[in-house]
């Protein structure tokens, strides 16, 4: 009995495994490099806010910060800024639109 010289299902399986292995290696190489991280000095240059400085001081004193009224005030201001919605554009004091008359 003669056997085939080229076993197509086996070759197809081998090529499929090879393509999957190449895809895995390519993905690993792509995600291996991480984006550059900002150093703390670079972040400080972008936030010259006194609130940020006060929050950093409160972070450094750790447990004593819970009894510090300046830290409590800084945290309250930070929460207020975080939870307050300010639109990026538009008038600061929009005038309300006149009410439409629905009586006909």
N, C-alpha and C. Protein backbone atom coordinates (compact mmCIF):
# COMPACT_ATOMS: atom_id res chain seq x y z
N UNK A 1 0.84 -1.17 0.00
CA UNK A 1 0.00 0.00 0.00
C UNK A 1 0.89 1.24 0.00
N UNK A 2 0.54 2.18 -0.83
CA UNK A 2 1.32 3.42 -0.92
C UNK A 2 0.76 4.47 0.02
N UNK A 3 1.63 5.20 0.68
CA UNK A 3 1.21 6.31 1.53
C UNK A 3 1.42 7.61 0.76
N UNK A 4 0.68 8.57 1.14
CA UNK A 4 0.81 9.87 0.48
C UNK A 4 2.14 10.50 0.86
N UNK A 5 2.69 11.21 -0.07
CA UNK A 5 3.93 11.90 0.20
C UNK A 5 3.67 13.13 1.08
N UNK A 6 2.54 13.76 0.86
CA UNK A 6 2.20 14.98 1.59
C UNK A 6 0.87 14.78 2.30
N UNK A 7 0.90 14.73 3.61
CA UNK A 7 -0.31 14.55 4.40
C UNK A 7 -0.91 15.94 4.67
N UNK A 8 -1.88 16.36 3.88
CA UNK A 8 -2.42 17.72 3.96
C UNK A 8 -3.03 18.06 5.31
N UNK A 9 -3.81 17.21 5.95
CA UNK A 9 -4.34 17.58 7.27
C UNK A 9 -3.23 17.83 8.30
N UNK A 10 -2.19 17.04 8.27
CA UNK A 10 -1.10 17.24 9.23
C UNK A 10 -0.35 18.53 8.94
N UNK A 11 -0.12 18.83 7.68
CA UNK A 11 0.56 20.07 7.32
C UNK A 11 -0.30 21.28 7.69
N UNK A 12 -1.59 21.18 7.43
CA UNK A 12 -2.50 22.27 7.79
C UNK A 12 -2.51 22.53 9.29
N UNK A 13 -2.51 21.45 10.07
CA UNK A 13 -2.46 21.58 11.53
C UNK A 13 -1.16 22.23 11.97
N UNK A 14 -0.06 21.83 11.39
CA UNK A 14 1.24 22.40 11.75
C UNK A 14 1.31 23.88 11.39
N UNK A 15 0.80 24.25 10.23
CA UNK A 15 0.79 25.66 9.83
C UNK A 15 -0.12 26.47 10.76
N UNK A 16 -1.24 25.89 11.15
CA UNK A 16 -2.14 26.58 12.09
C UNK A 16 -1.48 26.82 13.43
N UNK A 17 -0.81 25.81 13.97
CA UNK A 17 -0.09 25.98 15.24
C UNK A 17 1.01 27.02 15.11
N UNK A 18 1.70 27.03 13.98
CA UNK A 18 2.76 28.00 13.76
C UNK A 18 2.21 29.42 13.72
N UNK A 19 1.08 29.62 13.05
CA UNK A 19 0.48 30.95 12.99
C UNK A 19 0.01 31.43 14.36
N UNK A 20 -0.55 30.52 15.16
CA UNK A 20 -0.97 30.88 16.51
C UNK A 20 0.24 31.25 17.36
N UNK A 21 1.33 30.48 17.23
CA UNK A 21 2.54 30.78 17.99
C UNK A 21 3.11 32.14 17.58
N UNK A 22 3.10 32.44 16.29
CA UNK A 22 3.60 33.74 15.82
C UNK A 22 2.72 34.87 16.36
N UNK A 23 1.41 34.68 16.39
CA UNK A 23 0.50 35.71 16.92
C UNK A 23 0.75 35.94 18.40
N UNK A 24 1.00 34.87 19.15
CA UNK A 24 1.26 35.02 20.59
C UNK A 24 2.57 35.77 20.82
N UNK A 25 3.60 35.43 20.06
CA UNK A 25 4.88 36.12 20.22
C UNK A 25 4.74 37.60 19.83
N UNK A 26 4.02 37.88 18.76
CA UNK A 26 3.83 39.27 18.33
C UNK A 26 3.07 40.07 19.40
N UNK A 27 2.04 39.47 19.99
CA UNK A 27 1.29 40.16 21.04
C UNK A 27 2.16 40.38 22.27
N UNK A 28 2.97 39.39 22.62
CA UNK A 28 3.85 39.54 23.78
C UNK A 28 4.87 40.64 23.55
N UNK A 29 5.42 40.73 22.36
CA UNK A 29 6.38 41.80 22.06
C UNK A 29 5.70 43.16 22.04
N UNK A 30 4.49 43.20 21.55
CA UNK A 30 3.77 44.48 21.49
C UNK A 30 3.46 45.01 22.89
N UNK A 31 3.01 44.13 23.77
CA UNK A 31 2.62 44.57 25.11
C UNK A 31 3.77 44.55 26.10
N UNK A 32 4.94 44.12 25.65
CA UNK A 32 6.10 44.08 26.55
C UNK A 32 6.55 45.47 26.93
N UNK A 33 6.54 46.39 26.00
CA UNK A 33 6.97 47.75 26.28
C UNK A 33 5.82 48.50 26.93
N UNK A 34 6.09 49.13 28.04
CA UNK A 34 5.05 49.89 28.73
C UNK A 34 5.21 51.36 28.40
N UNK A 35 4.13 52.13 28.50
CA UNK A 35 4.25 53.56 28.22
C UNK A 35 5.13 54.23 29.26
N UNK A 36 5.80 55.31 28.91
CA UNK A 36 6.67 55.98 29.88
C UNK A 36 5.85 56.56 31.02
N UNK A 37 6.37 56.40 32.20
CA UNK A 37 5.67 56.91 33.39
C UNK A 37 6.23 58.28 33.76
N UNK A 38 5.35 59.14 34.25
CA UNK A 38 5.80 60.45 34.69
C UNK A 38 6.50 60.32 36.04
N UNK A 39 7.60 60.99 36.16
CA UNK A 39 8.29 61.01 37.44
C UNK A 39 7.56 61.98 38.36
N UNK A 40 7.69 61.82 39.69
CA UNK A 40 6.99 62.73 40.60
C UNK A 40 7.33 64.19 40.36
N UNK A 41 8.58 64.50 39.99
CA UNK A 41 8.93 65.89 39.74
C UNK A 41 8.17 66.44 38.54
N UNK A 42 7.99 65.62 37.52
CA UNK A 42 7.27 66.07 36.32
C UNK A 42 5.80 66.30 36.64
N UNK A 43 5.23 65.48 37.52
CA UNK A 43 3.83 65.68 37.88
C UNK A 43 3.66 66.95 38.71
N UNK A 44 4.62 67.26 39.56
CA UNK A 44 4.52 68.46 40.37
C UNK A 44 4.57 69.71 39.51
N UNK A 45 5.32 69.67 38.41
CA UNK A 45 5.41 70.83 37.54
C UNK A 45 4.06 71.12 36.88
N UNK A 46 3.25 70.10 36.68
CA UNK A 46 1.96 70.30 36.04
C UNK A 46 0.88 70.76 37.03
N UNK A 47 1.10 70.58 38.32
CA UNK A 47 0.09 70.98 39.31
C UNK A 47 0.73 71.91 40.34
N UNK A 48 0.88 73.18 40.01
CA UNK A 48 1.48 74.12 40.96
C UNK A 48 0.44 74.63 41.96
N UNK A 49 -0.53 73.80 42.29
CA UNK A 49 -1.64 74.19 43.14
C UNK A 49 -1.24 74.04 44.61
N UNK A 50 -1.61 75.01 45.42
CA UNK A 50 -1.30 74.91 46.85
C UNK A 50 -2.10 73.78 47.50
N UNK A 51 -3.27 73.45 46.95
CA UNK A 51 -4.05 72.34 47.49
C UNK A 51 -3.29 71.03 47.31
N UNK A 52 -2.65 70.86 46.16
CA UNK A 52 -1.87 69.64 45.92
C UNK A 52 -0.71 69.54 46.90
N UNK A 53 -0.09 70.67 47.18
CA UNK A 53 1.02 70.67 48.16
C UNK A 53 0.52 70.31 49.55
N UNK A 54 -0.63 70.85 49.92
CA UNK A 54 -1.19 70.55 51.24
C UNK A 54 -1.60 69.08 51.34
N UNK A 55 -2.20 68.54 50.28
CA UNK A 55 -2.57 67.12 50.29
C UNK A 55 -1.34 66.23 50.38
N UNK A 56 -0.27 66.64 49.72
CA UNK A 56 0.98 65.86 49.80
C UNK A 56 1.54 65.92 51.22
N UNK A 57 1.47 67.08 51.86
CA UNK A 57 1.94 67.20 53.25
C UNK A 57 1.11 66.30 54.16
N UNK A 58 -0.20 66.29 53.93
CA UNK A 58 -1.08 65.45 54.75
C UNK A 58 -0.79 63.97 54.51
N UNK A 59 -0.44 63.62 53.31
CA UNK A 59 -0.10 62.23 53.02
C UNK A 59 1.20 61.84 53.73
N UNK A 60 2.12 62.77 53.83
CA UNK A 60 3.40 62.46 54.47
C UNK A 60 3.26 62.29 55.98
N UNK A 61 2.35 63.03 56.61
CA UNK A 61 2.22 62.90 58.07
C UNK A 61 1.29 61.76 58.46
N UNK A 62 0.67 61.12 57.50
CA UNK A 62 -0.10 59.88 57.67
C UNK A 62 -1.14 59.96 58.77
N UNK A 63 -0.96 59.22 59.85
CA UNK A 63 -2.00 59.10 60.89
C UNK A 63 -2.26 60.40 61.64
N UNK A 64 -1.28 61.27 61.76
CA UNK A 64 -1.51 62.55 62.45
C UNK A 64 -2.41 63.48 61.64
N UNK A 65 -2.59 63.19 60.35
CA UNK A 65 -3.39 64.06 59.49
C UNK A 65 -4.87 64.04 59.86
N UNK A 66 -5.34 62.95 60.49
CA UNK A 66 -6.76 62.90 60.82
C UNK A 66 -7.15 63.91 61.89
N UNK A 67 -6.18 64.36 62.68
CA UNK A 67 -6.46 65.36 63.72
C UNK A 67 -6.04 66.76 63.30
N UNK A 68 -5.51 66.91 62.11
CA UNK A 68 -5.04 68.21 61.63
C UNK A 68 -6.17 68.93 60.91
N UNK A 69 -6.60 70.10 61.41
CA UNK A 69 -7.70 70.82 60.75
C UNK A 69 -7.34 71.30 59.34
N UNK A 70 -6.08 71.59 59.08
CA UNK A 70 -5.68 72.02 57.74
C UNK A 70 -5.84 70.87 56.74
N UNK A 71 -5.52 69.66 57.18
CA UNK A 71 -5.69 68.50 56.31
C UNK A 71 -7.17 68.21 56.07
N UNK A 72 -7.97 68.34 57.10
CA UNK A 72 -9.42 68.13 56.92
C UNK A 72 -9.99 69.13 55.93
N UNK A 73 -9.55 70.39 56.02
CA UNK A 73 -10.02 71.41 55.09
C UNK A 73 -9.53 71.12 53.68
N UNK A 74 -8.31 70.66 53.54
CA UNK A 74 -7.78 70.34 52.21
C UNK A 74 -8.54 69.16 51.60
N UNK A 75 -8.82 68.15 52.40
CA UNK A 75 -9.58 67.01 51.88
C UNK A 75 -11.00 67.41 51.49
N UNK A 76 -11.61 68.30 52.29
CA UNK A 76 -12.95 68.77 51.95
C UNK A 76 -12.94 69.54 50.63
N UNK A 77 -11.93 70.38 50.44
CA UNK A 77 -11.82 71.14 49.20
C UNK A 77 -11.55 70.21 48.02
N UNK A 78 -10.75 69.18 48.24
CA UNK A 78 -10.47 68.22 47.18
C UNK A 78 -11.74 67.47 46.78
N UNK A 79 -12.54 67.07 47.78
CA UNK A 79 -13.81 66.40 47.48
C UNK A 79 -14.75 67.34 46.73
N UNK A 80 -14.80 68.61 47.16
CA UNK A 80 -15.67 69.57 46.50
C UNK A 80 -15.27 69.75 45.04
N UNK A 81 -13.97 69.85 44.77
CA UNK A 81 -13.51 70.00 43.40
C UNK A 81 -13.80 68.75 42.57
N UNK A 82 -13.66 67.59 43.18
CA UNK A 82 -13.85 66.35 42.45
C UNK A 82 -15.31 66.14 42.09
N UNK A 83 -16.21 66.41 43.02
CA UNK A 83 -17.62 66.11 42.81
C UNK A 83 -18.41 67.27 42.21
N UNK A 84 -17.78 68.40 41.90
CA UNK A 84 -18.46 69.54 41.30
C UNK A 84 -18.29 69.48 39.80
N UNK A 85 -19.40 69.56 39.08
CA UNK A 85 -19.36 69.53 37.62
C UNK A 85 -19.14 70.94 37.10
N UNK A 86 -18.11 71.08 36.28
CA UNK A 86 -17.89 72.35 35.60
C UNK A 86 -17.78 72.06 34.11
N UNK A 87 -18.67 72.62 33.30
CA UNK A 87 -18.60 72.35 31.86
C UNK A 87 -17.34 72.94 31.26
N UNK A 88 -16.81 72.28 30.25
CA UNK A 88 -15.56 72.71 29.63
C UNK A 88 -15.74 73.99 28.82
N UNK A 89 -16.90 74.17 28.23
CA UNK A 89 -17.13 75.36 27.42
C UNK A 89 -18.54 75.89 27.68
N UNK A 90 -18.78 77.05 27.20
CA UNK A 90 -20.10 77.64 27.37
C UNK A 90 -20.04 78.83 28.31
N UNK A 91 -21.11 79.57 28.38
CA UNK A 91 -21.13 80.75 29.26
C UNK A 91 -21.10 80.33 30.72
N UNK A 92 -20.49 81.19 31.53
CA UNK A 92 -20.41 80.91 32.97
C UNK A 92 -21.77 81.01 33.64
N UNK A 93 -22.56 81.99 33.26
CA UNK A 93 -23.90 82.18 33.82
C UNK A 93 -24.91 82.12 32.69
N UNK A 94 -25.33 80.92 32.31
CA UNK A 94 -26.28 80.85 31.20
C UNK A 94 -27.63 81.42 31.60
N UNK A 95 -28.24 82.10 30.65
CA UNK A 95 -29.57 82.64 30.91
C UNK A 95 -30.59 81.57 30.57
N UNK A 96 -31.60 81.40 31.41
CA UNK A 96 -32.60 80.35 31.12
C UNK A 96 -33.41 80.72 29.89
N UNK A 97 -33.77 79.71 29.15
CA UNK A 97 -34.59 79.92 27.96
C UNK A 97 -36.00 80.31 28.39
N UNK A 98 -36.66 81.19 27.64
CA UNK A 98 -38.02 81.55 28.02
C UNK A 98 -38.95 80.35 27.92
N UNK A 99 -39.91 80.31 28.83
CA UNK A 99 -40.84 79.20 28.85
C UNK A 99 -41.77 79.28 27.65
N UNK A 100 -42.02 78.13 27.05
CA UNK A 100 -42.91 78.10 25.89
C UNK A 100 -44.36 78.07 26.37
N UNK A 101 -45.18 78.74 25.64
CA UNK A 101 -46.59 78.78 25.97
C UNK A 101 -47.26 77.54 25.35
N UNK A 102 -47.76 76.66 26.20
CA UNK A 102 -48.38 75.43 25.71
C UNK A 102 -49.90 75.55 25.62
N UNK A 103 -50.45 76.69 26.01
CA UNK A 103 -51.92 76.87 25.94
C UNK A 103 -52.30 77.24 24.51
N UNK A 104 -53.26 76.53 23.94
CA UNK A 104 -53.74 76.87 22.60
C UNK A 104 -55.22 76.82 22.55
